[in-house]
N, C-alpha and C. Protein backbone atom coordinates (compact mmCIF):
# COMPACT_ATOMS: atom_id res chain seq x y z
N MET A 1 -106.64 49.61 -166.30
CA MET A 1 -106.22 49.64 -167.67
C MET A 1 -105.41 48.38 -167.95
N ASP A 2 -105.73 47.76 -169.05
CA ASP A 2 -105.03 46.54 -169.44
C ASP A 2 -103.75 46.93 -170.18
N ILE A 3 -102.62 46.66 -169.56
CA ILE A 3 -101.34 47.05 -170.18
C ILE A 3 -100.72 45.90 -170.96
N LYS A 4 -101.44 44.79 -171.13
CA LYS A 4 -100.91 43.64 -171.84
C LYS A 4 -101.20 43.71 -173.33
N ILE A 5 -101.86 44.77 -173.77
CA ILE A 5 -102.19 44.89 -175.19
C ILE A 5 -100.90 45.11 -175.97
N ASP A 6 -100.68 44.23 -176.93
CA ASP A 6 -99.48 44.36 -177.76
C ASP A 6 -99.54 45.64 -178.58
N GLY A 7 -98.46 46.32 -178.62
CA GLY A 7 -98.36 47.51 -179.45
C GLY A 7 -98.82 48.78 -178.77
N LEU A 8 -99.26 48.74 -177.51
CA LEU A 8 -99.68 49.95 -176.80
C LEU A 8 -98.43 50.71 -176.38
N PRO A 9 -98.25 51.90 -176.90
CA PRO A 9 -97.05 52.67 -176.56
C PRO A 9 -97.07 53.09 -175.08
N TYR A 10 -95.89 53.04 -174.48
CA TYR A 10 -95.74 53.41 -173.06
C TYR A 10 -96.17 54.86 -172.83
N ASP A 11 -95.88 55.76 -173.74
CA ASP A 11 -96.26 57.17 -173.61
C ASP A 11 -97.78 57.32 -173.56
N LEU A 12 -98.50 56.52 -174.33
CA LEU A 12 -99.97 56.56 -174.32
C LEU A 12 -100.51 56.10 -172.96
N LEU A 13 -99.89 55.09 -172.38
CA LEU A 13 -100.27 54.60 -171.05
C LEU A 13 -100.08 55.71 -170.01
N ILE A 14 -98.94 56.37 -170.02
CA ILE A 14 -98.66 57.46 -169.07
C ILE A 14 -99.68 58.59 -169.26
N GLU A 15 -99.97 58.94 -170.49
CA GLU A 15 -100.92 60.02 -170.77
C GLU A 15 -102.32 59.66 -170.27
N ALA A 16 -102.75 58.41 -170.45
CA ALA A 16 -104.09 57.97 -170.00
C ALA A 16 -104.18 58.00 -168.48
N LEU A 17 -103.13 57.53 -167.81
CA LEU A 17 -103.15 57.54 -166.34
C LEU A 17 -103.14 58.96 -165.79
N GLU A 18 -102.42 59.86 -166.40
CA GLU A 18 -102.39 61.26 -165.97
C GLU A 18 -103.76 61.90 -166.17
N GLN A 19 -104.40 61.60 -167.29
CA GLN A 19 -105.73 62.13 -167.57
C GLN A 19 -106.72 61.62 -166.51
N ALA A 20 -106.62 60.37 -166.14
CA ALA A 20 -107.50 59.80 -165.11
C ALA A 20 -107.25 60.47 -163.76
N ARG A 21 -105.98 60.73 -163.42
CA ARG A 21 -105.66 61.40 -162.15
C ARG A 21 -106.26 62.79 -162.11
N LYS A 22 -106.13 63.54 -163.19
CA LYS A 22 -106.70 64.89 -163.25
C LYS A 22 -108.22 64.84 -163.13
N GLY A 23 -108.83 63.84 -163.75
CA GLY A 23 -110.28 63.69 -163.65
C GLY A 23 -110.73 63.42 -162.22
N ARG A 24 -110.01 62.54 -161.51
CA ARG A 24 -110.35 62.25 -160.11
C ARG A 24 -110.21 63.50 -159.25
N LEU A 25 -109.12 64.24 -159.43
CA LEU A 25 -108.90 65.47 -158.66
C LEU A 25 -109.98 66.50 -158.95
N HIS A 26 -110.42 66.60 -160.20
CA HIS A 26 -111.50 67.53 -160.56
C HIS A 26 -112.80 67.15 -159.83
N ILE A 27 -113.13 65.86 -159.83
CA ILE A 27 -114.34 65.39 -159.15
C ILE A 27 -114.25 65.65 -157.65
N LEU A 28 -113.10 65.36 -157.04
CA LEU A 28 -112.93 65.61 -155.60
C LEU A 28 -113.05 67.10 -155.29
N GLY A 29 -112.55 67.96 -156.17
CA GLY A 29 -112.68 69.40 -155.97
C GLY A 29 -114.13 69.84 -155.98
N LYS A 30 -114.91 69.31 -156.91
CA LYS A 30 -116.35 69.63 -156.97
C LYS A 30 -117.07 69.13 -155.73
N MET A 31 -116.69 67.96 -155.23
CA MET A 31 -117.30 67.43 -154.01
C MET A 31 -116.98 68.33 -152.82
N ASN A 32 -115.74 68.81 -152.75
CA ASN A 32 -115.34 69.68 -151.64
C ASN A 32 -116.04 71.03 -151.68
N GLU A 33 -116.45 71.49 -152.85
CA GLU A 33 -117.22 72.73 -152.94
C GLU A 33 -118.57 72.59 -152.25
N VAL A 34 -119.14 71.41 -152.29
CA VAL A 34 -120.46 71.16 -151.71
C VAL A 34 -120.36 70.82 -150.23
N ILE A 35 -119.44 69.95 -149.89
CA ILE A 35 -119.25 69.56 -148.49
C ILE A 35 -117.76 69.30 -148.29
N ASP A 36 -117.13 70.14 -147.46
CA ASP A 36 -115.67 70.06 -147.32
C ASP A 36 -115.21 69.14 -146.20
N GLN A 37 -116.15 68.63 -145.41
CA GLN A 37 -115.79 67.69 -144.36
C GLN A 37 -116.96 66.72 -144.15
N PRO A 38 -116.69 65.55 -143.61
CA PRO A 38 -117.78 64.59 -143.40
C PRO A 38 -118.78 65.12 -142.38
N ARG A 39 -120.02 64.70 -142.52
CA ARG A 39 -121.05 65.06 -141.54
C ARG A 39 -120.76 64.34 -140.24
N GLU A 40 -121.26 64.92 -139.14
CA GLU A 40 -121.08 64.27 -137.84
C GLU A 40 -121.85 62.96 -137.77
N ASP A 41 -122.99 62.91 -138.46
CA ASP A 41 -123.83 61.72 -138.41
C ASP A 41 -124.53 61.57 -139.76
N TYR A 42 -125.07 60.39 -139.98
CA TYR A 42 -125.82 60.14 -141.20
C TYR A 42 -127.19 60.81 -141.10
N LYS A 43 -127.90 60.83 -142.21
CA LYS A 43 -129.28 61.30 -142.17
C LYS A 43 -130.09 60.34 -141.30
N PRO A 44 -131.17 60.82 -140.67
CA PRO A 44 -131.92 59.97 -139.73
C PRO A 44 -132.43 58.65 -140.31
N HIS A 45 -132.73 58.61 -141.60
CA HIS A 45 -133.28 57.38 -142.18
C HIS A 45 -132.27 56.59 -143.00
N ALA A 46 -131.00 56.89 -142.84
CA ALA A 46 -129.96 56.12 -143.52
C ALA A 46 -129.77 54.80 -142.79
N PRO A 47 -129.67 53.70 -143.52
CA PRO A 47 -129.42 52.41 -142.86
C PRO A 47 -128.11 52.45 -142.09
N ARG A 48 -128.10 51.83 -140.94
CA ARG A 48 -126.90 51.82 -140.11
C ARG A 48 -126.88 50.59 -139.23
N ILE A 49 -125.73 50.33 -138.68
CA ILE A 49 -125.56 49.23 -137.74
C ILE A 49 -124.66 49.71 -136.62
N VAL A 50 -125.02 49.35 -135.39
CA VAL A 50 -124.25 49.75 -134.21
C VAL A 50 -123.85 48.47 -133.48
N GLU A 51 -122.62 48.44 -132.99
CA GLU A 51 -122.15 47.29 -132.23
C GLU A 51 -121.82 47.72 -130.81
N ILE A 52 -122.26 46.91 -129.87
CA ILE A 52 -121.92 47.14 -128.46
C ILE A 52 -121.34 45.83 -127.94
N VAL A 53 -120.29 45.93 -127.14
CA VAL A 53 -119.66 44.75 -126.56
C VAL A 53 -120.12 44.64 -125.11
N ILE A 54 -120.65 43.47 -124.76
CA ILE A 54 -121.16 43.25 -123.41
C ILE A 54 -120.40 42.09 -122.77
N ASP A 55 -120.51 41.99 -121.47
CA ASP A 55 -119.92 40.87 -120.77
C ASP A 55 -120.65 39.59 -121.17
N LYS A 56 -119.91 38.53 -121.30
CA LYS A 56 -120.48 37.24 -121.73
C LYS A 56 -121.64 36.80 -120.83
N SER A 57 -121.57 37.13 -119.55
CA SER A 57 -122.60 36.70 -118.60
C SER A 57 -123.96 37.35 -118.86
N PHE A 58 -124.00 38.43 -119.65
CA PHE A 58 -125.27 39.11 -119.94
C PHE A 58 -125.93 38.65 -121.24
N ILE A 59 -125.27 37.79 -122.00
CA ILE A 59 -125.85 37.35 -123.28
C ILE A 59 -127.22 36.72 -123.06
N GLY A 60 -127.31 35.83 -122.10
CA GLY A 60 -128.59 35.16 -121.81
C GLY A 60 -129.66 36.14 -121.38
N ALA A 61 -129.30 37.16 -120.62
CA ALA A 61 -130.28 38.16 -120.17
C ALA A 61 -130.82 38.98 -121.33
N VAL A 62 -129.97 39.29 -122.30
CA VAL A 62 -130.41 40.06 -123.46
C VAL A 62 -131.31 39.19 -124.35
N ILE A 63 -130.96 37.92 -124.49
CA ILE A 63 -131.77 37.02 -125.32
C ILE A 63 -133.09 36.69 -124.63
N GLY A 64 -133.03 36.39 -123.34
CA GLY A 64 -134.23 36.04 -122.59
C GLY A 64 -134.65 34.61 -122.81
N PRO A 65 -135.61 34.13 -121.99
CA PRO A 65 -136.06 32.74 -122.13
C PRO A 65 -136.72 32.50 -123.49
N GLY A 66 -136.17 31.56 -124.23
CA GLY A 66 -136.70 31.26 -125.55
C GLY A 66 -136.58 32.41 -126.54
N GLY A 67 -135.70 33.36 -126.25
CA GLY A 67 -135.51 34.51 -127.14
C GLY A 67 -136.56 35.59 -126.97
N SER A 68 -137.33 35.53 -125.89
CA SER A 68 -138.46 36.46 -125.71
C SER A 68 -138.04 37.91 -125.58
N ILE A 69 -136.97 38.19 -124.87
CA ILE A 69 -136.57 39.59 -124.65
C ILE A 69 -136.02 40.20 -125.94
N ILE A 70 -135.12 39.50 -126.61
CA ILE A 70 -134.55 40.04 -127.84
C ILE A 70 -135.63 40.20 -128.91
N GLN A 71 -136.58 39.28 -128.97
CA GLN A 71 -137.67 39.38 -129.93
C GLN A 71 -138.57 40.57 -129.61
N ASP A 72 -138.81 40.81 -128.32
CA ASP A 72 -139.63 41.96 -127.91
C ASP A 72 -138.94 43.27 -128.29
N ILE A 73 -137.63 43.36 -128.04
CA ILE A 73 -136.89 44.57 -128.40
C ILE A 73 -136.97 44.81 -129.91
N GLN A 74 -136.76 43.75 -130.69
CA GLN A 74 -136.80 43.87 -132.15
C GLN A 74 -138.19 44.29 -132.63
N GLU A 75 -139.21 43.70 -132.05
CA GLU A 75 -140.58 44.00 -132.46
C GLU A 75 -140.96 45.44 -132.13
N LYS A 76 -140.61 45.89 -130.94
CA LYS A 76 -141.01 47.23 -130.50
C LYS A 76 -140.17 48.34 -131.12
N THR A 77 -138.95 48.03 -131.54
CA THR A 77 -138.08 49.07 -132.09
C THR A 77 -137.91 48.98 -133.61
N GLY A 78 -138.32 47.87 -134.20
CA GLY A 78 -138.16 47.71 -135.64
C GLY A 78 -136.71 47.50 -136.06
N THR A 79 -135.92 46.88 -135.19
CA THR A 79 -134.51 46.63 -135.47
C THR A 79 -134.27 45.15 -135.69
N VAL A 80 -133.08 44.83 -136.16
CA VAL A 80 -132.63 43.45 -136.25
C VAL A 80 -131.40 43.34 -135.36
N ILE A 81 -131.46 42.42 -134.40
CA ILE A 81 -130.38 42.29 -133.42
C ILE A 81 -129.76 40.92 -133.53
N SER A 82 -128.44 40.89 -133.58
CA SER A 82 -127.72 39.61 -133.56
C SER A 82 -126.66 39.68 -132.47
N ILE A 83 -126.43 38.54 -131.84
CA ILE A 83 -125.44 38.47 -130.77
C ILE A 83 -124.48 37.33 -131.10
N GLU A 84 -123.19 37.63 -131.00
CA GLU A 84 -122.18 36.63 -131.26
C GLU A 84 -121.19 36.63 -130.10
N GLU A 85 -120.86 35.44 -129.63
CA GLU A 85 -119.87 35.32 -128.57
C GLU A 85 -118.51 35.09 -129.18
N LYS A 86 -117.58 36.00 -128.87
CA LYS A 86 -116.20 35.89 -129.35
C LYS A 86 -115.28 36.35 -128.23
N GLU A 87 -114.18 35.67 -128.09
CA GLU A 87 -113.13 36.10 -127.17
C GLU A 87 -113.66 36.35 -125.75
N GLY A 88 -114.64 35.55 -125.32
CA GLY A 88 -115.18 35.68 -123.98
C GLY A 88 -116.07 36.88 -123.77
N LYS A 89 -116.54 37.50 -124.85
CA LYS A 89 -117.41 38.67 -124.75
C LYS A 89 -118.60 38.47 -125.69
N GLY A 90 -119.63 39.27 -125.48
CA GLY A 90 -120.79 39.25 -126.36
C GLY A 90 -120.77 40.46 -127.27
N PHE A 91 -120.82 40.23 -128.57
CA PHE A 91 -120.86 41.32 -129.55
C PHE A 91 -122.29 41.43 -130.05
N VAL A 92 -122.96 42.52 -129.66
CA VAL A 92 -124.35 42.75 -130.01
C VAL A 92 -124.39 43.74 -131.17
N ASN A 93 -124.96 43.32 -132.30
CA ASN A 93 -125.11 44.18 -133.47
C ASN A 93 -126.59 44.53 -133.63
N ILE A 94 -126.86 45.83 -133.72
CA ILE A 94 -128.22 46.32 -133.88
C ILE A 94 -128.29 47.06 -135.21
N ALA A 95 -129.18 46.61 -136.09
CA ALA A 95 -129.29 47.20 -137.42
C ALA A 95 -130.70 47.73 -137.65
N SER A 96 -130.77 48.87 -138.36
CA SER A 96 -132.06 49.46 -138.70
C SER A 96 -131.84 50.53 -139.75
N SER A 97 -132.93 50.94 -140.39
CA SER A 97 -132.84 52.06 -141.34
C SER A 97 -133.32 53.34 -140.67
N ASN A 98 -133.42 53.31 -139.35
CA ASN A 98 -133.94 54.45 -138.62
C ASN A 98 -133.09 54.69 -137.37
N LYS A 99 -132.54 55.88 -137.24
CA LYS A 99 -131.67 56.21 -136.11
C LYS A 99 -132.39 56.08 -134.77
N GLU A 100 -133.63 56.55 -134.70
CA GLU A 100 -134.38 56.49 -133.44
C GLU A 100 -134.59 55.04 -133.01
N SER A 101 -134.83 54.15 -133.97
CA SER A 101 -135.03 52.74 -133.65
C SER A 101 -133.77 52.14 -133.03
N ILE A 102 -132.64 52.45 -133.62
CA ILE A 102 -131.37 51.92 -133.08
C ILE A 102 -131.13 52.47 -131.68
N GLU A 103 -131.36 53.76 -131.49
CA GLU A 103 -131.15 54.35 -130.17
C GLU A 103 -132.06 53.71 -129.12
N ALA A 104 -133.32 53.43 -129.48
CA ALA A 104 -134.25 52.80 -128.55
C ALA A 104 -133.80 51.38 -128.20
N ALA A 105 -133.40 50.61 -129.20
CA ALA A 105 -132.93 49.25 -128.96
C ALA A 105 -131.64 49.25 -128.14
N LEU A 106 -130.74 50.16 -128.46
CA LEU A 106 -129.48 50.28 -127.73
C LEU A 106 -129.72 50.63 -126.27
N ALA A 107 -130.67 51.52 -126.02
CA ALA A 107 -131.01 51.89 -124.63
C ALA A 107 -131.55 50.69 -123.87
N ARG A 108 -132.39 49.88 -124.52
CA ARG A 108 -132.93 48.69 -123.85
C ARG A 108 -131.83 47.70 -123.51
N VAL A 109 -130.91 47.47 -124.44
CA VAL A 109 -129.81 46.54 -124.19
C VAL A 109 -128.93 47.07 -123.07
N LYS A 110 -128.63 48.37 -123.10
CA LYS A 110 -127.79 48.96 -122.04
C LYS A 110 -128.46 48.86 -120.67
N ASP A 111 -129.78 49.00 -120.61
CA ASP A 111 -130.50 48.84 -119.34
C ASP A 111 -130.36 47.41 -118.82
N ILE A 112 -130.42 46.44 -119.71
CA ILE A 112 -130.31 45.04 -119.30
C ILE A 112 -128.93 44.73 -118.76
N VAL A 113 -127.89 45.27 -119.37
CA VAL A 113 -126.51 44.94 -118.97
C VAL A 113 -125.93 45.93 -117.96
N PHE A 114 -126.75 46.85 -117.49
CA PHE A 114 -126.29 47.89 -116.57
C PHE A 114 -125.81 47.29 -115.24
N VAL A 115 -124.67 47.75 -114.78
CA VAL A 115 -124.14 47.39 -113.47
C VAL A 115 -123.71 48.69 -112.79
N PRO A 116 -124.24 48.97 -111.59
CA PRO A 116 -123.84 50.22 -110.93
C PRO A 116 -122.36 50.20 -110.55
N GLU A 117 -121.78 51.38 -110.57
CA GLU A 117 -120.36 51.51 -110.24
C GLU A 117 -120.21 52.15 -108.87
N VAL A 118 -119.25 51.65 -108.11
CA VAL A 118 -118.98 52.18 -106.78
C VAL A 118 -118.54 53.63 -106.90
N GLY A 119 -119.12 54.48 -106.08
CA GLY A 119 -118.76 55.88 -106.06
C GLY A 119 -119.64 56.76 -106.93
N GLU A 120 -120.44 56.17 -107.81
CA GLU A 120 -121.34 56.94 -108.66
C GLU A 120 -122.63 57.24 -107.90
N VAL A 121 -123.34 58.27 -108.33
CA VAL A 121 -124.60 58.66 -107.70
C VAL A 121 -125.74 58.32 -108.66
N TYR A 122 -126.78 57.66 -108.14
CA TYR A 122 -127.92 57.25 -108.95
C TYR A 122 -129.22 57.67 -108.26
N ASP A 123 -130.21 58.02 -109.05
CA ASP A 123 -131.55 58.24 -108.52
C ASP A 123 -132.22 56.88 -108.41
N ALA A 124 -132.79 56.59 -107.24
CA ALA A 124 -133.40 55.28 -107.02
C ALA A 124 -134.56 55.40 -106.06
N VAL A 125 -135.36 54.37 -106.02
CA VAL A 125 -136.48 54.29 -105.08
C VAL A 125 -136.12 53.24 -104.04
N VAL A 126 -136.20 53.61 -102.75
CA VAL A 126 -135.91 52.67 -101.68
C VAL A 126 -137.11 51.73 -101.56
N ARG A 127 -136.87 50.43 -101.69
CA ARG A 127 -137.94 49.42 -101.64
C ARG A 127 -138.03 48.76 -100.27
N GLN A 128 -136.89 48.64 -99.60
CA GLN A 128 -136.91 47.92 -98.32
C GLN A 128 -135.72 48.37 -97.48
N LEU A 129 -135.97 48.63 -96.19
CA LEU A 129 -134.90 48.95 -95.25
C LEU A 129 -134.67 47.76 -94.35
N MET A 130 -133.42 47.40 -94.19
CA MET A 130 -133.03 46.27 -93.34
C MET A 130 -131.99 46.77 -92.35
N PRO A 131 -131.74 46.03 -91.27
CA PRO A 131 -130.73 46.47 -90.29
C PRO A 131 -129.34 46.65 -90.91
N PHE A 132 -129.03 45.93 -91.97
CA PHE A 132 -127.71 46.00 -92.58
C PHE A 132 -127.65 46.94 -93.78
N GLY A 133 -128.77 47.54 -94.17
CA GLY A 133 -128.76 48.43 -95.32
C GLY A 133 -130.12 48.51 -95.97
N ALA A 134 -130.15 48.93 -97.20
CA ALA A 134 -131.40 49.13 -97.92
C ALA A 134 -131.35 48.42 -99.27
N PHE A 135 -132.53 48.15 -99.79
CA PHE A 135 -132.65 47.64 -101.16
C PHE A 135 -133.32 48.73 -101.97
N VAL A 136 -132.65 49.12 -103.07
CA VAL A 136 -133.16 50.20 -103.90
C VAL A 136 -133.47 49.69 -105.30
N ASP A 137 -134.38 50.38 -105.96
CA ASP A 137 -134.79 49.99 -107.31
C ASP A 137 -134.40 51.11 -108.26
N PHE A 138 -133.58 50.79 -109.25
CA PHE A 138 -133.31 51.71 -110.34
C PHE A 138 -132.92 50.90 -111.57
N LYS A 139 -133.20 51.49 -112.71
CA LYS A 139 -132.96 50.82 -113.99
C LYS A 139 -133.74 49.51 -114.08
N GLY A 140 -134.88 49.44 -113.37
CA GLY A 140 -135.72 48.25 -113.45
C GLY A 140 -135.21 47.05 -112.68
N LYS A 141 -134.19 47.24 -111.84
CA LYS A 141 -133.63 46.14 -111.06
C LYS A 141 -133.54 46.56 -109.60
N GLU A 142 -133.56 45.57 -108.73
CA GLU A 142 -133.41 45.86 -107.31
C GLU A 142 -131.97 45.57 -106.90
N TRP A 143 -131.37 46.52 -106.18
CA TRP A 143 -129.96 46.42 -105.80
C TRP A 143 -129.82 46.64 -104.30
N PRO A 144 -128.90 45.92 -103.65
CA PRO A 144 -128.62 46.21 -102.24
C PRO A 144 -127.77 47.46 -102.12
N ALA A 145 -128.11 48.31 -101.18
CA ALA A 145 -127.31 49.52 -100.93
C ALA A 145 -127.00 49.53 -99.44
N THR A 146 -125.75 49.33 -99.09
CA THR A 146 -125.40 49.25 -97.67
C THR A 146 -125.33 50.62 -97.04
N ARG A 147 -125.21 51.67 -97.84
CA ARG A 147 -125.19 53.03 -97.31
C ARG A 147 -125.98 53.93 -98.23
N ILE A 148 -126.76 54.82 -97.64
CA ILE A 148 -127.49 55.81 -98.42
C ILE A 148 -126.91 57.16 -98.03
N GLY A 149 -126.38 57.87 -98.99
CA GLY A 149 -125.72 59.14 -98.68
C GLY A 149 -124.51 58.85 -97.82
N ASN A 150 -124.39 59.61 -96.72
CA ASN A 150 -123.26 59.40 -95.81
C ASN A 150 -123.70 58.75 -94.50
N ARG A 151 -124.98 58.38 -94.41
CA ARG A 151 -125.48 57.80 -93.16
C ARG A 151 -125.83 56.35 -93.37
N SER A 152 -125.47 55.50 -92.42
CA SER A 152 -125.90 54.11 -92.46
C SER A 152 -127.35 54.07 -92.02
N GLN A 153 -128.14 53.25 -92.67
CA GLN A 153 -129.55 53.12 -92.29
C GLN A 153 -129.70 51.88 -91.40
N THR A 154 -130.24 52.10 -90.24
CA THR A 154 -130.52 50.96 -89.34
C THR A 154 -131.92 51.10 -88.82
N GLY A 155 -132.47 49.95 -88.41
CA GLY A 155 -133.82 49.79 -87.91
C GLY A 155 -134.37 50.99 -87.33
């Protein structure tokens, strides 16, 4: 409301603002009758963007040679992916108008940046046994495993 109008009485200004407040409260009350709390998630086809922060060393792996990996993910999932390096980390933004597309792209990025944690249990395929341990394949990568279960594997 423009209060610089000459001759506008102060009482009229107060009355207009009070009327606007009552109108807003009335609208909010009607909205609460329909939905009294926010939904847990958007509708499946609502546009959305998801951000994941990755280690700086994985930016090149997500992009791939000449951008081939990121382009493949975008093409197969129908998403738009951008990566920005800030503060020594990679900020990956995945945008789409489809929830399933974002989830598929996010899963691919997480597979690329996956690093196994000590003490966790993973399902894997043993590819090679060596005197010092085994090499196992999981998440599409081969990893050295010096112990399988509680037994050391030797020749």
